[in-house]
């Protein structure tokens, strides 16, 4: 069973365009306040345009089903105006996995920069085949719960990125005053 979720948001940050570009391309820095992610790892991919591979786990806690860890793997590509994530498939045992794709575009503003994010998240959940009415009802309940939990997790992304951007701005100001 798969669930698709789209996240779009824009942030005004008090970072000049060059600093905002560096911020959005710095996965660890821009997601430093994303406490809903676990085990964030970065590795250089092979090849000339291999980019960086980002792996992490989305911990999903649903009252009916307990804690589930949904790993994802995405390739980060730098673009002229920001960055792009390419969701990669996983062949992993367990309750499921996620495919995270998206982009961020930086545009200058009079007070700093605007960051325009767009994520597409596809969650793949392994369920037993519903053979009878009870199985179909359980599948619908799982679908509803997963969708609700995924919404709750992804709703936290804008605040986490905004907080990390503010921390970056504060670091920049502190460094400039030295």
N, C-alpha and C. Protein backbone atom coordinates (compact mmCIF):
# COMPACT_ATOMS: atom_id res chain seq x y z
N UNK A 1 0.85 -1.16 0.00
CA UNK A 1 0.00 0.00 0.00
C UNK A 1 0.90 1.23 0.00
N UNK A 2 0.54 2.23 -0.77
CA UNK A 2 1.33 3.46 -0.81
C UNK A 2 0.45 4.66 -0.43
N UNK A 3 1.10 5.64 0.16
CA UNK A 3 0.45 6.89 0.54
C UNK A 3 1.30 8.02 -0.02
N UNK A 4 0.68 8.96 -0.67
CA UNK A 4 1.40 10.12 -1.20
C UNK A 4 1.04 11.35 -0.39
N UNK A 5 2.05 12.16 -0.14
CA UNK A 5 1.85 13.39 0.62
C UNK A 5 2.72 14.48 0.00
N UNK A 6 2.15 15.64 -0.18
CA UNK A 6 2.88 16.77 -0.75
C UNK A 6 3.03 17.85 0.31
N UNK A 7 4.21 18.43 0.38
CA UNK A 7 4.48 19.52 1.32
C UNK A 7 5.04 20.69 0.51
N UNK A 8 4.37 21.82 0.59
CA UNK A 8 4.86 23.05 -0.06
C UNK A 8 4.84 24.16 0.97
N UNK A 9 5.93 24.90 1.04
CA UNK A 9 5.94 26.05 1.93
C UNK A 9 7.04 27.01 1.49
N UNK A 10 6.88 28.25 1.89
CA UNK A 10 7.87 29.28 1.62
C UNK A 10 8.26 29.96 2.91
N UNK A 11 9.51 30.34 3.01
CA UNK A 11 10.02 31.03 4.19
C UNK A 11 10.78 32.28 3.77
N UNK A 12 10.55 33.33 4.48
CA UNK A 12 11.37 34.54 4.33
C UNK A 12 12.45 34.45 5.41
N UNK A 13 13.71 34.50 4.99
CA UNK A 13 14.82 34.42 5.95
C UNK A 13 15.72 35.64 5.79
N UNK A 14 16.33 36.03 6.88
CA UNK A 14 17.22 37.19 6.87
C UNK A 14 18.64 36.74 6.57
N UNK A 15 18.80 36.07 5.44
CA UNK A 15 20.10 35.65 4.95
C UNK A 15 20.27 36.16 3.54
N UNK A 16 21.41 36.75 3.23
CA UNK A 16 21.65 37.14 1.84
C UNK A 16 21.59 35.89 0.94
N UNK A 17 21.34 36.11 -0.34
CA UNK A 17 21.14 34.99 -1.26
C UNK A 17 22.27 33.97 -1.21
N UNK A 18 23.51 34.41 -1.19
CA UNK A 18 24.64 33.47 -1.19
C UNK A 18 24.62 32.62 0.08
N UNK A 19 24.29 33.21 1.24
CA UNK A 19 24.21 32.44 2.48
C UNK A 19 23.00 31.53 2.50
N UNK A 20 21.88 31.99 1.93
CA UNK A 20 20.67 31.17 1.85
C UNK A 20 20.92 29.95 0.96
N UNK A 21 21.63 30.14 -0.15
CA UNK A 21 21.98 29.01 -1.02
C UNK A 21 22.84 28.00 -0.27
N UNK A 22 23.83 28.49 0.45
CA UNK A 22 24.69 27.58 1.23
C UNK A 22 23.87 26.85 2.29
N UNK A 23 22.92 27.55 2.90
CA UNK A 23 22.07 26.95 3.93
C UNK A 23 21.22 25.82 3.36
N UNK A 24 20.51 26.04 2.26
CA UNK A 24 19.63 25.00 1.73
C UNK A 24 20.40 23.82 1.17
N UNK A 25 21.63 24.04 0.75
CA UNK A 25 22.46 22.95 0.23
C UNK A 25 23.14 22.16 1.34
N UNK A 26 23.16 22.71 2.55
CA UNK A 26 23.74 22.06 3.72
C UNK A 26 22.64 21.26 4.41
N UNK A 27 22.51 20.00 4.05
CA UNK A 27 21.42 19.17 4.56
C UNK A 27 21.47 19.08 6.08
N UNK A 28 22.64 18.82 6.63
CA UNK A 28 22.75 18.72 8.09
C UNK A 28 22.34 20.03 8.77
N UNK A 29 22.79 21.14 8.22
CA UNK A 29 22.47 22.44 8.82
C UNK A 29 21.01 22.81 8.69
N UNK A 30 20.46 22.62 7.50
CA UNK A 30 19.07 23.04 7.29
C UNK A 30 18.08 22.11 7.99
N UNK A 31 18.49 20.89 8.29
CA UNK A 31 17.61 19.96 9.01
C UNK A 31 18.05 19.73 10.45
N UNK A 32 18.92 20.60 10.95
CA UNK A 32 19.45 20.43 12.31
C UNK A 32 18.36 20.45 13.37
N UNK A 33 17.26 21.13 13.12
CA UNK A 33 16.16 21.22 14.09
C UNK A 33 15.00 20.27 13.74
N UNK A 34 15.20 19.41 12.78
CA UNK A 34 14.15 18.46 12.36
C UNK A 34 14.23 17.23 13.25
N UNK A 35 13.70 17.36 14.45
CA UNK A 35 13.79 16.28 15.44
C UNK A 35 12.94 15.07 15.07
N UNK A 36 12.14 15.21 14.02
CA UNK A 36 11.33 14.09 13.57
C UNK A 36 12.11 13.15 12.65
N UNK A 37 13.35 13.49 12.34
CA UNK A 37 14.22 12.62 11.53
C UNK A 37 15.23 11.94 12.44
N UNK A 38 15.52 10.68 12.14
CA UNK A 38 16.54 9.96 12.88
C UNK A 38 17.60 9.44 11.93
N UNK A 39 18.79 9.30 12.46
CA UNK A 39 19.90 8.65 11.74
C UNK A 39 20.21 9.33 10.40
N UNK A 40 20.19 10.65 10.36
CA UNK A 40 20.51 11.38 9.14
C UNK A 40 21.97 11.13 8.76
N UNK A 41 22.19 10.62 7.55
CA UNK A 41 23.53 10.32 7.04
C UNK A 41 23.69 10.91 5.65
N UNK A 42 24.89 11.35 5.34
CA UNK A 42 25.22 11.87 4.01
C UNK A 42 26.42 11.11 3.49
N UNK A 43 26.36 10.74 2.21
CA UNK A 43 27.52 10.09 1.59
C UNK A 43 27.62 10.55 0.14
N UNK A 44 28.85 10.70 -0.31
CA UNK A 44 29.07 11.07 -1.72
C UNK A 44 28.69 9.90 -2.60
N UNK A 45 27.96 10.19 -3.65
CA UNK A 45 27.57 9.14 -4.60
C UNK A 45 28.65 9.01 -5.66
N UNK A 46 28.72 7.86 -6.28
CA UNK A 46 29.69 7.60 -7.34
C UNK A 46 29.30 8.34 -8.61
N UNK A 47 30.28 8.62 -9.45
CA UNK A 47 30.03 9.22 -10.75
C UNK A 47 30.25 10.72 -10.74
N UNK A 48 30.35 11.29 -11.94
CA UNK A 48 30.63 12.71 -12.08
C UNK A 48 29.51 13.57 -11.52
N UNK A 49 28.25 13.22 -11.79
CA UNK A 49 27.11 13.99 -11.28
C UNK A 49 26.36 13.16 -10.26
N UNK A 50 27.10 12.42 -9.45
CA UNK A 50 26.46 11.54 -8.49
C UNK A 50 25.73 12.25 -7.38
N UNK A 51 26.17 13.47 -7.07
CA UNK A 51 25.55 14.20 -5.97
C UNK A 51 25.87 13.57 -4.64
N UNK A 52 25.05 13.87 -3.67
CA UNK A 52 25.19 13.33 -2.33
C UNK A 52 23.95 12.50 -2.04
N UNK A 53 24.15 11.36 -1.41
CA UNK A 53 23.01 10.52 -1.03
C UNK A 53 22.68 10.81 0.43
N UNK A 54 21.41 11.11 0.66
CA UNK A 54 20.89 11.42 1.99
C UNK A 54 20.06 10.23 2.44
N UNK A 55 20.35 9.70 3.62
CA UNK A 55 19.52 8.66 4.19
C UNK A 55 19.09 9.08 5.58
N UNK A 56 17.90 8.68 5.96
CA UNK A 56 17.39 8.95 7.30
C UNK A 56 16.20 8.05 7.54
N UNK A 57 15.66 8.16 8.72
CA UNK A 57 14.49 7.38 9.10
C UNK A 57 13.42 8.33 9.62
N UNK A 58 12.21 8.13 9.13
CA UNK A 58 11.05 8.84 9.66
C UNK A 58 10.43 7.95 10.72
N UNK A 59 10.57 8.32 12.00
CA UNK A 59 9.92 7.51 13.03
C UNK A 59 8.44 7.88 13.07
N UNK A 60 7.59 6.90 12.89
CA UNK A 60 6.15 7.13 12.87
C UNK A 60 5.55 6.39 14.05
N UNK A 61 4.88 7.13 14.91
CA UNK A 61 4.26 6.54 16.08
C UNK A 61 2.75 6.65 15.94
N UNK A 62 2.10 5.55 15.72
CA UNK A 62 0.64 5.51 15.62
C UNK A 62 0.11 4.65 16.76
N UNK A 63 -0.82 5.20 17.50
CA UNK A 63 -1.32 4.53 18.70
C UNK A 63 -1.74 3.08 18.43
N UNK A 64 -2.39 2.84 17.32
CA UNK A 64 -2.88 1.48 17.05
C UNK A 64 -1.76 0.51 16.69
N UNK A 65 -0.68 1.01 16.13
CA UNK A 65 0.33 0.13 15.56
C UNK A 65 1.71 0.28 16.18
N UNK A 66 1.85 1.18 17.13
CA UNK A 66 3.13 1.37 17.79
C UNK A 66 4.11 2.16 16.94
N UNK A 67 5.37 2.09 17.34
CA UNK A 67 6.44 2.82 16.66
C UNK A 67 6.88 2.07 15.42
N UNK A 68 6.93 2.76 14.29
CA UNK A 68 7.42 2.20 13.03
C UNK A 68 8.50 3.13 12.50
N UNK A 69 9.57 2.56 12.01
CA UNK A 69 10.64 3.34 11.41
C UNK A 69 10.58 3.16 9.91
N UNK A 70 10.43 4.27 9.19
CA UNK A 70 10.36 4.23 7.73
C UNK A 70 11.63 4.87 7.17
N UNK A 71 12.57 4.06 6.70
CA UNK A 71 13.79 4.62 6.14
C UNK A 71 13.54 5.25 4.77
N UNK A 72 14.37 6.23 4.42
CA UNK A 72 14.35 6.76 3.06
C UNK A 72 15.76 7.04 2.60
N UNK A 73 15.89 7.11 1.29
CA UNK A 73 17.19 7.35 0.64
C UNK A 73 16.92 8.25 -0.55
N UNK A 74 17.61 9.39 -0.60
CA UNK A 74 17.41 10.35 -1.67
C UNK A 74 18.77 10.86 -2.15
N UNK A 75 18.82 11.21 -3.41
CA UNK A 75 20.04 11.79 -3.98
C UNK A 75 19.85 13.30 -4.05
N UNK A 76 20.80 14.05 -3.49
CA UNK A 76 20.77 15.50 -3.48
C UNK A 76 21.56 16.02 -4.67
N UNK A 77 20.91 16.85 -5.48
CA UNK A 77 21.57 17.50 -6.61
C UNK A 77 21.53 19.01 -6.38
N UNK A 78 22.66 19.66 -6.54
CA UNK A 78 22.69 21.11 -6.45
C UNK A 78 22.19 21.70 -7.76
N UNK A 79 21.38 22.73 -7.66
CA UNK A 79 20.87 23.42 -8.84
C UNK A 79 21.35 24.86 -8.78
N UNK A 80 21.17 25.57 -9.88
CA UNK A 80 21.63 26.96 -9.92
C UNK A 80 20.97 27.80 -8.83
N UNK A 81 19.68 27.55 -8.58
CA UNK A 81 18.95 28.36 -7.61
C UNK A 81 18.67 27.69 -6.29
N UNK A 82 19.28 26.51 -6.03
CA UNK A 82 19.01 25.83 -4.77
C UNK A 82 19.48 24.39 -4.79
N UNK A 83 18.52 23.47 -4.64
CA UNK A 83 18.84 22.05 -4.60
C UNK A 83 17.59 21.24 -4.96
N UNK A 84 17.85 19.98 -5.34
CA UNK A 84 16.76 19.08 -5.71
C UNK A 84 17.04 17.71 -5.09
N UNK A 85 16.02 17.08 -4.52
CA UNK A 85 16.11 15.73 -3.99
C UNK A 85 15.43 14.76 -4.94
N UNK A 86 16.11 13.68 -5.22
CA UNK A 86 15.55 12.62 -6.06
C UNK A 86 15.35 11.39 -5.16
N UNK A 87 14.09 11.05 -4.92
CA UNK A 87 13.79 9.90 -4.08
C UNK A 87 14.24 8.61 -4.73
N UNK A 88 14.91 7.77 -3.98
CA UNK A 88 15.42 6.50 -4.49
C UNK A 88 14.65 5.34 -3.87
N UNK A 89 14.40 4.31 -4.64
CA UNK A 89 13.69 3.15 -4.08
C UNK A 89 14.59 2.39 -3.11
N UNK A 90 13.96 1.72 -2.16
CA UNK A 90 14.67 0.89 -1.20
C UNK A 90 14.13 -0.53 -1.26
N UNK A 91 15.01 -1.48 -1.13
CA UNK A 91 14.60 -2.86 -1.01
C UNK A 91 15.00 -3.27 0.40
N UNK A 92 14.09 -3.04 1.33
CA UNK A 92 14.42 -3.25 2.73
C UNK A 92 13.33 -4.05 3.42
N UNK A 93 13.74 -4.96 4.29
CA UNK A 93 12.71 -5.67 5.05
C UNK A 93 12.12 -4.73 6.10
N UNK A 94 10.98 -5.04 6.57
CA UNK A 94 10.36 -4.23 7.62
C UNK A 94 8.98 -3.78 7.22
N UNK A 95 8.42 -2.89 8.03
CA UNK A 95 7.03 -2.48 7.83
C UNK A 95 6.82 -1.54 6.64
N UNK A 96 7.90 -0.95 6.14
CA UNK A 96 7.74 -0.05 5.02
C UNK A 96 8.93 0.86 4.84
N UNK A 97 8.81 1.76 3.89
CA UNK A 97 9.87 2.72 3.59
C UNK A 97 9.25 3.93 2.93
N UNK A 98 10.03 5.00 2.82
CA UNK A 98 9.54 6.24 2.22
C UNK A 98 10.42 6.61 1.04
N UNK A 99 9.84 7.33 0.12
CA UNK A 99 10.57 7.87 -1.02
C UNK A 99 10.35 9.38 -0.96
N UNK A 100 11.43 10.13 -0.71
CA UNK A 100 11.34 11.57 -0.52
C UNK A 100 12.02 12.27 -1.69
N UNK A 101 11.23 13.06 -2.43
CA UNK A 101 11.74 13.87 -3.54
C UNK A 101 11.35 15.32 -3.26
N UNK A 102 11.98 16.23 -3.95
CA UNK A 102 11.59 17.62 -3.77
C UNK A 102 12.61 18.60 -4.29
N UNK A 103 12.34 19.85 -4.00
CA UNK A 103 13.25 20.91 -4.43
C UNK A 103 13.11 22.10 -3.52
N UNK A 104 14.12 22.95 -3.55
CA UNK A 104 14.09 24.24 -2.87
C UNK A 104 14.73 25.25 -3.81
N UNK A 105 14.07 26.40 -3.92
CA UNK A 105 14.57 27.48 -4.77
C UNK A 105 14.74 28.71 -3.90
N UNK A 106 15.89 29.35 -4.03
CA UNK A 106 16.21 30.57 -3.28
C UNK A 106 16.08 31.76 -4.21
N UNK A 107 15.34 32.77 -3.76
CA UNK A 107 15.26 34.04 -4.50
C UNK A 107 15.55 35.18 -3.54
N UNK A 108 16.29 36.18 -4.02
CA UNK A 108 16.61 37.31 -3.13
C UNK A 108 15.37 38.17 -2.86
N UNK A 109 15.33 38.75 -1.67
CA UNK A 109 14.29 39.70 -1.28
C UNK A 109 15.00 40.91 -0.68
N UNK A 110 14.30 42.02 -0.51
CA UNK A 110 14.95 43.20 0.08
C UNK A 110 15.53 42.94 1.48
N UNK A 111 14.87 42.06 2.27
CA UNK A 111 15.34 41.81 3.63
C UNK A 111 16.21 40.56 3.75
N UNK A 112 16.45 39.85 2.65
CA UNK A 112 17.25 38.62 2.70
C UNK A 112 16.95 37.72 1.53
N UNK A 113 16.24 36.60 1.81
CA UNK A 113 15.94 35.63 0.77
C UNK A 113 14.62 34.93 1.07
N UNK A 114 14.02 34.43 0.01
CA UNK A 114 12.84 33.58 0.14
C UNK A 114 13.24 32.17 -0.26
N UNK A 115 12.86 31.20 0.57
CA UNK A 115 13.12 29.79 0.31
C UNK A 115 11.79 29.14 -0.03
N UNK A 116 11.67 28.60 -1.22
CA UNK A 116 10.44 27.95 -1.66
C UNK A 116 10.69 26.45 -1.74
N UNK A 117 10.07 25.71 -0.82
CA UNK A 117 10.25 24.26 -0.73
C UNK A 117 9.05 23.53 -1.33
N UNK A 118 9.34 22.38 -1.92
CA UNK A 118 8.30 21.49 -2.44
C UNK A 118 8.80 20.07 -2.26
N UNK A 119 8.10 19.30 -1.42
CA UNK A 119 8.46 17.91 -1.20
C UNK A 119 7.32 17.01 -1.64
N UNK A 120 7.66 15.89 -2.23
CA UNK A 120 6.71 14.82 -2.52
C UNK A 120 7.20 13.60 -1.74
N UNK A 121 6.34 13.11 -0.86
CA UNK A 121 6.70 11.98 -0.02
C UNK A 121 5.75 10.83 -0.33
N UNK A 122 6.31 9.72 -0.69
CA UNK A 122 5.53 8.51 -0.95
C UNK A 122 5.96 7.46 0.07
N UNK A 123 5.01 7.01 0.84
CA UNK A 123 5.27 5.99 1.86
C UNK A 123 4.75 4.65 1.35
N UNK A 124 5.60 3.66 1.41
CA UNK A 124 5.26 2.29 1.02
C UNK A 124 5.15 1.48 2.31
N UNK A 125 3.98 0.94 2.57
CA UNK A 125 3.74 0.17 3.78
C UNK A 125 3.40 -1.26 3.39
N UNK A 126 4.03 -2.21 4.06
CA UNK A 126 3.77 -3.62 3.83
C UNK A 126 2.61 -4.06 4.71
N UNK A 127 1.56 -4.54 4.07
CA UNK A 127 0.38 -5.02 4.79
C UNK A 127 0.04 -6.43 4.32
N UNK A 128 -0.55 -7.20 5.20
CA UNK A 128 -1.02 -8.51 4.73
C UNK A 128 -2.19 -8.31 3.78
N UNK A 129 -2.37 -9.24 2.87
CA UNK A 129 -3.49 -9.17 1.92
C UNK A 129 -4.81 -9.25 2.66
N UNK A 130 -5.71 -8.28 2.42
CA UNK A 130 -7.01 -8.36 3.08
C UNK A 130 -7.87 -9.43 2.39
N UNK A 131 -8.12 -10.49 3.12
CA UNK A 131 -8.87 -11.60 2.53
C UNK A 131 -10.35 -11.52 2.83
N UNK A 132 -10.70 -10.85 3.88
CA UNK A 132 -12.10 -10.79 4.28
C UNK A 132 -12.45 -9.37 4.66
N UNK A 133 -13.70 -9.17 4.99
CA UNK A 133 -14.19 -7.84 5.33
C UNK A 133 -13.35 -7.20 6.43
N UNK A 134 -13.01 -7.97 7.47
CA UNK A 134 -12.21 -7.44 8.57
C UNK A 134 -10.84 -6.98 8.11
N UNK A 135 -10.25 -7.70 7.18
CA UNK A 135 -8.94 -7.31 6.64
C UNK A 135 -9.02 -6.01 5.85
N UNK A 136 -10.09 -5.85 5.08
CA UNK A 136 -10.26 -4.61 4.31
C UNK A 136 -10.49 -3.43 5.25
N UNK A 137 -11.28 -3.64 6.29
CA UNK A 137 -11.53 -2.58 7.26
C UNK A 137 -10.23 -2.19 7.96
N UNK A 138 -9.43 -3.19 8.32
CA UNK A 138 -8.14 -2.91 8.95
C UNK A 138 -7.24 -2.13 8.00
N UNK A 139 -7.22 -2.49 6.72
CA UNK A 139 -6.41 -1.78 5.74
C UNK A 139 -6.83 -0.31 5.64
N UNK A 140 -8.14 -0.05 5.64
CA UNK A 140 -8.62 1.34 5.58
C UNK A 140 -8.23 2.10 6.84
N UNK A 141 -8.30 1.44 8.00
CA UNK A 141 -7.93 2.08 9.25
C UNK A 141 -6.43 2.40 9.25
N UNK A 142 -5.63 1.48 8.76
CA UNK A 142 -4.18 1.71 8.68
C UNK A 142 -3.90 2.87 7.72
N UNK A 143 -4.59 2.89 6.59
CA UNK A 143 -4.40 3.97 5.62
C UNK A 143 -4.72 5.33 6.24
N UNK A 144 -5.83 5.41 6.95
CA UNK A 144 -6.22 6.67 7.59
C UNK A 144 -5.19 7.08 8.65
N UNK A 145 -4.80 6.13 9.49
CA UNK A 145 -3.84 6.43 10.55
C UNK A 145 -2.50 6.86 9.97
N UNK A 146 -2.02 6.14 8.97
CA UNK A 146 -0.74 6.49 8.35
C UNK A 146 -0.79 7.88 7.73
N UNK A 147 -1.88 8.19 7.06
CA UNK A 147 -2.02 9.50 6.44
C UNK A 147 -2.02 10.61 7.51
N UNK A 148 -2.73 10.39 8.60
CA UNK A 148 -2.79 11.38 9.69
C UNK A 148 -1.42 11.58 10.32
N UNK A 149 -0.72 10.48 10.59
CA UNK A 149 0.60 10.57 11.21
C UNK A 149 1.58 11.24 10.25
N UNK A 150 1.54 10.89 8.97
CA UNK A 150 2.43 11.51 7.99
C UNK A 150 2.18 13.01 7.90
N UNK A 151 0.93 13.41 7.94
CA UNK A 151 0.61 14.84 7.93
C UNK A 151 1.20 15.53 9.15
N UNK A 152 1.08 14.92 10.31
CA UNK A 152 1.62 15.51 11.54
C UNK A 152 3.14 15.66 11.45
N UNK A 153 3.81 14.65 10.92
CA UNK A 153 5.27 14.71 10.79
C UNK A 153 5.68 15.80 9.79
N UNK A 154 5.05 15.82 8.63
CA UNK A 154 5.46 16.78 7.59
C UNK A 154 5.05 18.21 7.93
N UNK A 155 4.03 18.38 8.77
CA UNK A 155 3.67 19.73 9.20
C UNK A 155 4.76 20.37 10.05
N UNK A 156 5.65 19.56 10.60
CA UNK A 156 6.74 20.07 11.43
C UNK A 156 7.92 20.57 10.61
N UNK A 157 7.97 20.26 9.32
CA UNK A 157 9.12 20.63 8.49
C UNK A 157 9.33 22.14 8.41
N UNK A 158 8.30 22.96 8.10
CA UNK A 158 8.55 24.40 7.97
C UNK A 158 9.13 25.03 9.24
N UNK A 159 8.60 24.70 10.41
CA UNK A 159 9.11 25.28 11.65
C UNK A 159 10.55 24.85 11.92
N UNK A 160 10.88 23.60 11.61
CA UNK A 160 12.24 23.10 11.82
C UNK A 160 13.23 23.84 10.93
N UNK A 161 12.88 24.03 9.66
CA UNK A 161 13.77 24.74 8.73
C UNK A 161 13.89 26.21 9.11
N UNK A 162 12.78 26.83 9.49
CA UNK A 162 12.81 28.25 9.90
C UNK A 162 13.69 28.43 11.13
N UNK A 163 13.60 27.52 12.08
CA UNK A 163 14.42 27.60 13.28
C UNK A 163 15.91 27.43 12.95
N UNK A 164 16.22 26.50 12.07
CA UNK A 164 17.61 26.29 11.65
C UNK A 164 18.14 27.51 10.89
N UNK A 165 17.30 28.13 10.06
CA UNK A 165 17.72 29.33 9.31
C UNK A 165 17.98 30.49 10.27
N UNK A 166 17.16 30.64 11.28
CA UNK A 166 17.37 31.69 12.28
C UNK A 166 18.66 31.45 13.04
N UNK A 167 18.94 30.20 13.38
CA UNK A 167 20.20 29.87 14.06
C UNK A 167 21.40 30.19 13.16
N UNK A 168 21.28 29.90 11.87
CA UNK A 168 22.35 30.22 10.92
C UNK A 168 22.58 31.72 10.85
N UNK A 169 21.48 32.50 10.81
CA UNK A 169 21.58 33.96 10.78
C UNK A 169 22.27 34.47 12.04
N UNK A 170 21.91 33.93 13.20
CA UNK A 170 22.54 34.34 14.46
C UNK A 170 24.03 34.02 14.46
N UNK A 171 24.39 32.86 13.95
CA UNK A 171 25.81 32.50 13.86
C UNK A 171 26.55 33.47 12.96
N UNK A 172 25.94 33.82 11.84
CA UNK A 172 26.53 34.76 10.88
C UNK A 172 26.75 36.12 11.52
N UNK A 173 25.75 36.61 12.28
CA UNK A 173 25.88 37.90 12.95
C UNK A 173 26.95 37.86 14.02
N UNK A 174 27.01 36.76 14.77
CA UNK A 174 28.02 36.62 15.81
C UNK A 174 29.43 36.60 15.21
N UNK A 175 29.59 35.91 14.09
CA UNK A 175 30.89 35.86 13.42
C UNK A 175 31.28 37.22 12.87
N UNK A 176 30.31 37.98 12.37
CA UNK A 176 30.59 39.30 11.80
C UNK A 176 30.99 40.30 12.89
N UNK A 177 30.52 40.09 14.13
CA UNK A 177 30.83 41.04 15.20
C UNK A 177 32.19 40.80 15.84
N UNK A 178 32.83 39.68 15.48
CA UNK A 178 34.15 39.37 16.07
C UNK A 178 35.24 40.18 15.46
